[in-house]
Amino acid sequence: MITKNTQYFLALAATLSLAGCGDHLPGDATGAKVLRNILEKNGVEAKIVSFKKVQGKELKRDALNAFELMYEAEIQFPEGFEAKCKEELERGKCAFLGIGEDRTFAKSEILTSEGTLHFVKSEKGWTAEDNNVY
């Protein structure tokens, strides 16, 4: 049998957890998923070995609410990878890998990478650069 105090505590905990839904800022799990989606979309066959948010910055201007997630990641190339970065003119795979020059990665080589992911707040949640809402 549940006591009245336990019922109040459970009700309060449920209310507080629901109140926070949608207001949380993107973290490690979300960032790793966004990075994985972006790399796949750009044809980079890689495995994210580790991902860590090192800093986050909320930006608010007029009706726009954005968030920058700075990260460190270890990315492994199971089959190797040839990164053609010198001629990349827009934010693409090389920007997300954190490299600016052409580079060849051997099979199973691990790259330690730093980068930034951008999110924009909407009614549904945070929209990331992979065009998914989190």
Protein backbone atom coordinates (compact mmCIF):
# COMPACT_ATOMS: atom_id res chain seq x y z
CA MET A 1 0.00 0.00 0.00
CA ILE A 2 1.31 3.44 -0.95
CA THR A 3 1.17 6.16 1.72
CA LYS A 4 -0.18 9.66 1.05
CA ASN A 5 3.35 11.13 1.27
CA THR A 6 4.61 8.67 -1.31
CA GLN A 7 1.69 9.53 -3.61
CA TYR A 8 2.45 13.26 -3.30
CA PHE A 9 6.14 12.65 -3.96
CA LEU A 10 5.40 10.55 -7.06
CA ALA A 11 2.93 13.15 -8.36
CA LEU A 12 5.46 15.95 -7.79
CA ALA A 13 8.26 13.98 -9.48
CA ALA A 14 6.05 13.24 -12.50
CA THR A 15 5.01 16.90 -12.77
CA LEU A 16 8.60 18.13 -12.57
CA SER A 17 9.82 15.62 -15.15
CA LEU A 18 7.03 16.60 -17.56
CA ALA A 19 7.65 20.30 -16.98
CA GLY A 20 11.21 19.85 -18.18
CA CYS A 21 10.26 18.01 -21.38
CA GLY A 22 11.28 19.90 -24.48
CA ASP A 23 13.24 22.50 -22.53
CA HIS A 24 16.41 20.47 -22.09
CA LEU A 25 19.44 21.45 -24.10
CA PRO A 26 21.04 18.95 -26.46
CA GLY A 27 23.75 16.84 -24.82
CA ASP A 28 26.16 14.01 -25.56
CA ALA A 29 23.66 11.42 -26.83
CA THR A 30 21.90 13.90 -29.12
CA GLY A 31 25.17 15.33 -30.40
CA ALA A 32 26.56 11.87 -31.19
CA LYS A 33 23.39 10.95 -33.07
CA VAL A 34 23.44 14.19 -35.10
CA LEU A 35 27.13 13.73 -35.98
CA ARG A 36 26.52 10.10 -36.99
CA ASN A 37 23.58 11.14 -39.21
CA ILE A 38 25.59 13.92 -40.87
CA LEU A 39 28.57 11.65 -41.58
CA GLU A 40 26.27 8.95 -43.05
CA LYS A 41 24.49 11.56 -45.19
CA ASN A 42 27.88 12.67 -46.54
CA GLY A 43 28.99 9.12 -47.37
CA VAL A 44 31.53 8.81 -44.56
CA GLU A 45 31.64 5.22 -43.30
CA ALA A 46 32.78 5.82 -39.76
CA LYS A 47 32.05 4.71 -36.23
CA ILE A 48 31.85 7.21 -33.39
CA VAL A 49 33.97 5.66 -30.65
CA SER A 50 33.37 8.47 -28.16
CA PHE A 51 31.53 11.79 -28.10
CA LYS A 52 31.64 14.43 -25.40
CA LYS A 53 30.02 17.85 -25.20
CA VAL A 54 32.76 20.18 -23.98
CA GLN A 55 30.75 23.38 -24.01
CA GLY A 56 27.32 24.66 -24.95
CA LYS A 57 26.19 28.16 -25.76
CA GLU A 58 22.59 29.29 -25.96
CA LEU A 59 21.92 32.14 -28.39
CA LYS A 60 18.75 34.22 -28.28
CA ARG A 61 17.92 36.97 -30.75
CA ASP A 62 14.39 38.28 -31.27
CA ALA A 63 12.21 35.19 -31.85
CA LEU A 64 15.19 32.91 -32.61
CA ASN A 65 16.50 30.57 -29.95
CA ALA A 66 19.60 28.63 -30.99
CA PHE A 67 22.20 26.44 -29.33
CA GLU A 68 25.82 25.68 -30.24
CA LEU A 69 27.21 22.40 -28.95
CA MET A 70 31.00 22.22 -28.99
CA TYR A 71 32.29 18.65 -28.88
CA GLU A 72 35.26 16.33 -28.87
CA ALA A 73 34.85 12.99 -30.60
CA GLU A 74 36.87 9.95 -31.53
CA ILE A 75 35.88 8.70 -34.97
CA GLN A 76 37.09 5.37 -36.35
CA PHE A 77 37.24 4.52 -40.04
CA PRO A 78 36.70 0.72 -40.20
CA GLU A 79 37.50 0.54 -43.92
CA GLY A 80 39.79 3.55 -44.11
CA PHE A 81 38.77 6.89 -45.59
CA GLU A 82 40.12 9.45 -48.03
CA ALA A 83 39.06 12.94 -46.99
CA LYS A 84 39.12 15.51 -49.78
CA CYS A 85 38.89 18.71 -47.77
CA LYS A 86 40.95 21.37 -49.57
CA GLU A 87 38.18 22.08 -52.05
CA GLU A 88 35.22 21.85 -49.66
CA LEU A 89 33.49 25.21 -50.06
CA GLU A 90 30.52 24.79 -47.72
CA ARG A 91 30.08 23.22 -44.32
CA GLY A 92 30.32 19.51 -45.08
CA LYS A 93 31.95 16.30 -43.94
CA CYS A 94 35.38 17.83 -43.37
CA ALA A 95 33.99 20.54 -41.10
CA PHE A 96 32.23 17.90 -39.00
CA LEU A 97 35.38 15.76 -38.91
CA GLY A 98 37.33 18.84 -37.82
CA ILE A 99 39.92 18.69 -40.62
CA GLY A 100 40.76 21.30 -43.22
CA GLU A 101 43.25 19.55 -45.50
CA ASP A 102 43.17 16.44 -47.65
CA ARG A 103 43.98 13.41 -45.55
CA THR A 104 43.95 9.63 -45.91
CA PHE A 105 42.98 7.44 -42.96
CA ALA A 106 44.13 3.84 -42.75
CA LYS A 107 41.77 0.97 -42.01
CA SER A 108 40.59 1.17 -38.35
CA GLU A 109 42.43 4.47 -37.77
CA ILE A 110 40.89 6.74 -35.14
CA LEU A 111 40.62 10.50 -35.58
CA THR A 112 40.34 12.75 -32.53
CA SER A 113 38.06 15.53 -33.68
CA GLU A 114 36.69 18.81 -32.35
CA GLY A 115 33.73 20.62 -33.81
CA THR A 116 30.47 22.48 -33.31
CA LEU A 117 26.91 21.41 -33.97
CA HIS A 118 24.09 23.94 -34.34
CA PHE A 119 20.49 23.60 -33.17
CA VAL A 120 17.45 25.88 -33.53
CA LYS A 121 14.54 25.74 -31.08
CA SER A 122 11.01 25.15 -32.44
CA GLU A 123 7.67 24.16 -30.93
CA LYS A 124 8.58 20.50 -31.47
CA GLY A 125 12.06 20.64 -29.91
CA TRP A 126 15.59 21.34 -31.13
CA THR A 127 16.13 21.07 -34.90
CA ALA A 128 19.69 20.02 -35.67
CA GLU A 129 21.87 20.31 -38.75
CA ASP A 130 20.80 16.81 -39.80
CA ASN A 131 17.26 18.28 -40.18
CA ASN A 132 15.86 16.07 -37.41
CA VAL A 133 14.06 17.35 -34.31
CA TYR A 134 15.30 16.25 -30.89
